Amino acid sequence: MLTTQTVSRELLLAALPADHPLASRTSLPATALAGQPFVMFPRRYGPALHDRITSVARTAGFEPDVVQEAVQMQTIVGLVAAGIGVSIVPESVTRLRRRDVAFRPLAPPVRAVTLDLTWRTGDPNPMVGNFRSLFPPPHP
């Protein structure tokens, strides 16, 4: 039997060059990104997230025009800062704290990622217990 604990939940955000006309808005409908050049990662490096981002665009009525791909999120954000395009990224990417990139929530909010920890129920291995202790259960 397995036990699962949710560790975090993240929203998707638009990542825009700080001087982009849409960066002055506090939030953006996904439709506002239609026609913009996109920077994304190749699907093989994260099919679930890639498909979620693509689904957001398709639901908004457009196909992302991917002009540049990069494997790492910090590279994607750097390319956005350089004006290569815009992107849709998980909110944890904001920890990069770049002044040359504006991160704006999508409206309505779009949940992207749920990170879960799963282990064999009752596993006596001390490494399992030690790892689990890094993620205390959430308060009700």
Protein backbone atom coordinates (compact mmCIF):
# COMPACT_ATOMS: atom_id res chain seq x y z
CA MET A 1 0.00 0.00 0.00
CA LEU A 2 1.21 3.54 -0.75
CA THR A 3 0.71 6.78 1.15
CA THR A 4 0.76 10.13 -0.66
CA GLN A 5 1.20 13.63 0.74
CA THR A 6 0.85 16.81 -1.30
CA VAL A 7 3.94 18.93 -0.79
CA SER A 8 3.13 21.95 -2.96
CA ARG A 9 0.75 23.34 -5.54
CA GLU A 10 1.80 25.90 -8.11
CA LEU A 11 0.03 28.21 -10.50
CA LEU A 12 1.14 29.02 -14.02
CA LEU A 13 2.30 32.58 -14.67
CA ALA A 14 3.04 34.56 -17.81
CA ALA A 15 6.71 35.56 -18.07
CA LEU A 16 7.26 38.75 -20.07
CA PRO A 17 10.18 41.07 -20.70
CA ALA A 18 9.86 43.85 -18.10
CA ASP A 19 9.40 46.46 -20.85
CA HIS A 20 6.72 44.46 -22.71
CA PRO A 21 3.41 46.34 -23.14
CA LEU A 22 1.53 43.56 -21.30
CA ALA A 23 3.90 43.74 -18.30
CA SER A 24 2.06 46.77 -16.93
CA ARG A 25 -1.03 44.65 -16.23
CA THR A 26 -1.51 42.97 -12.87
CA SER A 27 -2.88 39.78 -14.44
CA LEU A 28 -3.44 38.51 -17.97
CA PRO A 29 -6.02 36.40 -19.70
CA ALA A 30 -4.21 33.71 -21.68
CA THR A 31 -5.79 35.18 -24.81
CA ALA A 32 -3.51 38.24 -24.38
CA LEU A 33 -0.55 35.99 -25.26
CA ALA A 34 -1.97 34.99 -28.65
CA GLY A 35 0.32 36.03 -31.48
CA GLN A 36 3.32 36.49 -29.17
CA PRO A 37 6.56 34.60 -29.87
CA PHE A 38 7.02 31.89 -27.22
CA VAL A 39 10.07 30.46 -25.48
CA MET A 40 9.46 26.93 -24.21
CA PHE A 41 11.23 23.71 -23.36
CA PRO A 42 11.10 20.65 -25.60
CA ARG A 43 8.20 18.35 -24.71
CA ARG A 44 10.48 15.38 -24.01
CA TYR A 45 11.92 17.21 -20.96
CA GLY A 46 8.57 17.60 -19.23
CA PRO A 47 5.61 16.23 -21.17
CA ALA A 48 3.00 16.90 -18.47
CA LEU A 49 3.97 20.55 -17.96
CA HIS A 50 4.50 21.11 -21.67
CA ASP A 51 1.06 19.69 -22.42
CA ARG A 52 -0.50 21.81 -19.64
CA ILE A 53 1.01 25.00 -21.07
CA THR A 54 -0.04 24.06 -24.60
CA SER A 55 -3.54 23.27 -23.31
CA VAL A 56 -3.81 26.72 -21.73
CA ALA A 57 -2.97 28.31 -25.08
CA ARG A 58 -5.32 26.07 -27.05
CA THR A 59 -8.16 26.73 -24.61
CA ALA A 60 -7.52 30.44 -25.21
CA GLY A 61 -7.86 29.82 -28.94
CA PHE A 62 -4.28 29.81 -30.16
CA GLU A 63 -1.27 27.59 -30.73
CA PRO A 64 1.97 28.85 -29.11
CA ASP A 65 4.38 30.18 -31.75
CA VAL A 66 7.56 28.67 -30.29
CA VAL A 67 10.53 30.63 -31.64
CA GLN A 68 13.14 29.30 -29.22
CA GLU A 69 13.47 26.22 -27.02
CA ALA A 70 15.62 25.83 -23.92
CA VAL A 71 15.94 22.98 -21.46
CA GLN A 72 16.26 24.85 -18.16
CA MET A 73 13.77 27.31 -16.71
CA GLN A 74 16.49 29.85 -15.86
CA THR A 75 17.55 29.82 -19.51
CA ILE A 76 13.93 30.29 -20.62
CA VAL A 77 13.61 33.27 -18.28
CA GLY A 78 16.91 34.68 -19.58
CA LEU A 79 15.63 34.43 -23.15
CA VAL A 80 12.41 36.18 -22.11
CA ALA A 81 14.51 38.93 -20.48
CA ALA A 82 16.44 39.30 -23.74
CA GLY A 83 13.17 39.94 -25.58
CA ILE A 84 13.19 36.70 -27.59
CA GLY A 85 9.62 35.96 -26.56
CA VAL A 86 7.20 35.34 -23.72
CA SER A 87 6.58 32.17 -21.79
CA ILE A 88 4.23 30.48 -19.37
CA VAL A 89 6.07 29.10 -16.33
CA PRO A 90 5.35 27.61 -12.90
CA GLU A 91 5.27 30.21 -10.14
CA SER A 92 8.37 28.74 -8.45
CA VAL A 93 10.38 30.29 -11.29
CA THR A 94 9.75 33.72 -9.71
CA ARG A 95 12.37 32.76 -7.11
CA LEU A 96 14.94 33.72 -9.75
CA ARG A 97 14.03 37.33 -8.85
CA ARG A 98 14.91 39.00 -12.12
CA ARG A 99 14.12 42.69 -12.52
CA ASP A 100 14.15 42.37 -16.30
CA VAL A 101 11.26 39.87 -16.33
CA ALA A 102 7.68 40.50 -15.25
CA PHE A 103 5.76 37.49 -13.94
CA ARG A 104 2.01 37.96 -14.15
CA PRO A 105 -0.73 35.58 -12.99
CA LEU A 106 -3.10 34.30 -15.61
CA ALA A 107 -6.74 35.23 -15.21
CA PRO A 108 -8.53 33.09 -14.35
CA PRO A 109 -5.75 31.38 -12.36
CA VAL A 110 -4.40 28.19 -13.91
CA ARG A 111 -3.05 25.44 -11.68
CA ALA A 112 -0.03 23.80 -13.23
CA VAL A 113 1.80 21.55 -10.90
CA THR A 114 1.01 19.53 -7.84
CA LEU A 115 4.06 17.98 -6.23
CA ASP A 116 3.31 14.85 -4.20
CA LEU A 117 5.51 12.70 -2.02
CA THR A 118 4.65 8.98 -2.12
CA TRP A 119 6.10 6.16 -0.03
CA ARG A 120 5.32 2.60 0.97
CA THR A 121 3.03 2.77 4.00
CA GLY A 122 4.87 1.59 7.10
CA ASP A 123 8.28 1.43 5.39
CA PRO A 124 10.81 1.01 8.24
CA ASN A 125 13.76 2.33 6.21
CA PRO A 126 15.20 5.30 8.17
CA MET A 127 16.07 7.06 4.91
CA VAL A 128 12.37 7.15 4.02
CA GLY A 129 11.55 8.63 7.42
CA ASN A 130 14.35 11.18 7.18
CA PHE A 131 13.25 12.26 3.71
CA ARG A 132 9.60 12.52 4.79
CA SER A 133 10.64 14.71 7.74
CA LEU A 134 11.77 17.33 5.23
CA PHE A 135 8.11 17.79 4.25
CA PRO A 136 5.97 18.14 7.38
CA PRO A 137 2.27 17.45 6.88
CA PRO A 138 0.22 20.55 6.07
CA HIS A 139 -1.90 22.06 8.82
CA PRO A 140 -5.66 21.57 8.43
